[in-house]
Protein backbone atom coordinates (compact mmCIF):
# COMPACT_ATOMS: atom_id res chain seq x y z
CA MET A 1 1.49 -91.27 -21.82
CA ALA A 2 1.11 -89.58 -25.21
CA GLN A 3 4.86 -89.91 -25.82
CA ILE A 4 4.78 -93.64 -25.12
CA ARG A 5 1.84 -94.07 -27.49
CA TRP A 6 3.69 -92.10 -30.18
CA ILE A 7 6.80 -94.28 -29.80
CA ALA A 8 4.68 -97.45 -29.96
CA GLU A 9 2.98 -96.21 -33.11
CA HIS A 10 6.27 -95.13 -34.72
CA LEU A 11 8.62 -97.74 -33.30
CA GLU A 12 9.85 -98.83 -36.71
CA GLU A 13 10.65 -95.30 -37.82
CA VAL A 14 12.55 -94.55 -34.59
CA LEU A 15 14.54 -97.80 -34.80
CA GLY A 16 15.13 -97.39 -38.54
CA ALA A 17 16.39 -93.83 -38.19
CA GLY A 18 18.68 -94.83 -35.33
CA LEU A 19 20.08 -97.80 -37.22
CA LEU A 20 20.60 -95.78 -40.38
CA ALA A 21 22.40 -93.04 -38.42
CA LEU A 22 24.59 -95.67 -36.74
CA MET A 23 25.43 -97.32 -40.06
CA ALA A 24 26.26 -93.98 -41.72
CA SER A 25 28.42 -92.94 -38.76
CA LEU A 26 30.34 -96.21 -38.81
CA ALA A 27 30.92 -96.01 -42.56
CA PHE A 28 32.01 -92.37 -42.29
CA ALA A 29 34.39 -93.17 -39.41
CA ASN A 30 35.88 -96.03 -41.41
CA VAL A 31 36.44 -93.80 -44.45
CA LEU A 32 38.01 -91.05 -42.34
CA THR A 33 40.39 -93.37 -40.53
CA ARG A 34 41.32 -95.14 -43.75
CA TYR A 35 42.23 -91.95 -45.63
CA LEU A 36 43.57 -89.83 -42.78
CA PHE A 37 45.42 -92.42 -40.71
CA HIS A 38 45.79 -95.28 -43.23
CA LEU A 39 44.05 -97.48 -40.69
CA SER A 40 41.01 -99.55 -41.58
CA LEU A 41 38.31 -100.20 -39.01
CA ALA A 42 37.39 -103.61 -40.40
CA TYR A 43 34.92 -104.35 -37.60
CA THR A 44 32.64 -101.56 -38.81
CA GLU A 45 31.65 -103.67 -41.82
CA GLU A 46 30.51 -106.46 -39.49
CA LEU A 47 28.38 -104.03 -37.51
CA GLU A 48 26.97 -102.39 -40.64
CA VAL A 49 25.99 -105.67 -42.31
CA ASN A 50 24.29 -106.95 -39.19
CA SER A 51 22.54 -103.62 -38.64
CA LEU A 52 21.23 -103.95 -42.18
CA VAL A 53 19.44 -107.17 -41.18
CA TRP A 54 17.70 -105.30 -38.37
CA LEU A 55 16.94 -102.39 -40.72
CA THR A 56 15.41 -104.73 -43.31
CA LEU A 57 13.06 -106.39 -40.84
CA VAL A 58 12.13 -103.10 -39.18
CA GLY A 59 11.39 -101.69 -42.64
CA ALA A 60 9.22 -104.69 -43.49
CA SER A 61 7.30 -104.19 -40.26
CA SER A 62 6.79 -100.52 -41.06
CA ALA A 63 5.58 -101.39 -44.57
CA PHE A 64 2.96 -103.78 -43.21
CA ARG A 65 1.85 -101.26 -40.59
CA LYS A 66 1.38 -98.56 -43.23
CA ARG A 67 -0.12 -101.04 -45.72
CA ARG A 68 2.63 -100.23 -48.21
CA HIS A 69 3.97 -103.75 -48.58
CA LEU A 70 4.00 -105.70 -51.83
CA ARG A 71 0.54 -107.01 -52.57
CA MET A 72 -1.70 -107.89 -55.44
CA VAL A 73 -3.15 -104.42 -56.01
CA PHE A 74 -3.86 -104.98 -59.72
CA PHE A 75 -6.16 -107.91 -58.97
CA ARG A 76 -7.51 -106.60 -55.68
CA GLU A 77 -8.81 -103.34 -57.14
CA ARG A 78 -10.88 -105.23 -59.71
CA LEU A 79 -12.72 -107.37 -57.16
CA PRO A 80 -16.01 -106.66 -55.37
CA LEU A 81 -15.71 -105.57 -51.74
CA PRO A 82 -16.36 -108.99 -50.11
CA LEU A 83 -13.66 -110.59 -52.26
CA LYS A 84 -11.28 -107.70 -51.53
CA ASN A 85 -11.73 -108.34 -47.83
CA LEU A 86 -11.17 -112.07 -48.30
CA LEU A 87 -8.04 -111.44 -50.38
CA ASP A 88 -6.73 -109.07 -47.69
CA LEU A 89 -7.18 -111.80 -45.08
CA ILE A 90 -5.49 -114.40 -47.29
CA MET A 91 -2.54 -112.08 -47.94
CA ALA A 92 -2.23 -111.27 -44.25
CA GLY A 93 -2.32 -114.97 -43.39
CA LEU A 94 0.33 -115.76 -45.96
CA GLY A 95 2.49 -112.89 -44.71
CA MET A 96 2.18 -114.09 -41.11
CA ALA A 97 2.99 -117.65 -42.19
CA LEU A 98 6.05 -116.52 -44.12
CA PHE A 99 7.48 -114.39 -41.34
CA SER A 100 6.59 -116.99 -38.70
CA LEU A 101 8.52 -119.62 -40.65
CA LEU A 102 11.44 -117.25 -41.20
CA GLY A 103 11.46 -116.36 -37.50
CA TYR A 104 11.35 -120.03 -36.52
CA LEU A 105 14.24 -120.87 -38.83
CA GLY A 106 16.18 -117.87 -37.52
CA TYR A 107 15.58 -119.11 -33.98
CA GLN A 108 16.84 -122.57 -34.95
CA GLN A 109 19.95 -120.96 -36.44
CA LEU A 110 20.43 -118.97 -33.24
CA LEU A 111 20.27 -122.18 -31.18
CA ASP A 112 22.83 -123.85 -33.45
CA GLU A 113 25.17 -120.89 -33.17
CA ARG A 114 24.93 -120.97 -29.38
CA LEU A 115 25.46 -124.73 -29.27
CA LEU A 116 28.49 -124.57 -31.57
CA GLU A 117 29.79 -121.38 -29.89
CA ILE A 118 30.27 -119.61 -33.22
CA THR A 119 31.86 -116.18 -33.00
CA SER A 120 31.90 -113.30 -35.45
CA GLU A 121 34.99 -112.81 -37.56
CA ALA A 122 36.00 -109.23 -36.77
CA LEU A 123 34.93 -108.66 -33.18
CA GLY A 124 34.82 -112.24 -31.93
CA LEU A 125 31.36 -111.72 -30.45
CA PRO A 126 28.97 -114.65 -30.20
CA GLN A 127 27.28 -114.83 -33.61
CA TRP A 128 23.87 -115.44 -32.06
CA LEU A 129 23.90 -111.82 -30.84
CA TYR A 130 23.55 -110.81 -34.48
CA THR A 131 21.21 -113.64 -35.46
CA VAL A 132 18.70 -112.66 -32.77
CA ALA A 133 17.59 -109.95 -35.22
CA ILE A 134 15.81 -112.55 -37.34
CA PRO A 135 13.34 -114.01 -34.81
CA VAL A 136 12.80 -110.68 -33.05
CA GLY A 137 12.31 -108.79 -36.30
CA CYS A 138 9.99 -111.44 -37.68
CA ALA A 139 7.95 -111.37 -34.48
CA LEU A 140 7.59 -107.60 -34.90
CA VAL A 141 6.44 -108.06 -38.51
CA VAL A 142 3.89 -110.73 -37.52
CA LEU A 143 2.62 -108.49 -34.71
CA ARG A 144 2.19 -105.55 -37.09
CA ILE A 145 0.35 -107.72 -39.63
CA LEU A 146 -1.94 -109.03 -36.89
CA LEU A 147 -2.62 -105.52 -35.55
CA THR A 148 -3.40 -104.32 -39.08
CA VAL A 149 -5.89 -107.17 -39.62
CA VAL A 150 -7.57 -106.48 -36.27
CA THR A 151 -7.79 -102.76 -37.07
CA ASP A 152 -9.25 -103.48 -40.52
CA ILE A 153 -11.87 -105.84 -39.11
CA ARG A 154 -12.78 -103.38 -36.35
CA ASP A 155 -13.10 -100.51 -38.86
CA ARG A 156 -15.30 -102.59 -41.18
CA GLY A 157 -17.72 -103.16 -38.30
CA ARG A 158 -18.28 -99.43 -37.91
């Protein structure tokens, strides 16, 4: 049970480390095959670029969870506590709105790619398999923002 809780609390770090290791391995394999065998593994670039989309959204989720995202610290620190709390709620709401809209638009793109049967250039996989990173990643970010707000409100009540 403790291991499951740890994974849930550090999901972004686990996914990020795995994705980064995968991307580094693919890039290294491509360099080795290019220089040793004069053979380029062109498909590795496709996998690396699309893994970077996942990595970006997982990183954003981690930043919101740790409260290390971009925010208006200069102004916030100069406000009285009630206004700080209000500004935190406004920023969280704007963040959730932004990532909800991005996730919705990513989902619409995914539907278009399925309808038009678009495939990736190197591997010929359905493009929507890569695009699914946008709505899923955005949902994770929105969830982390929401959990952070709930935690903050609960801690203020104590």
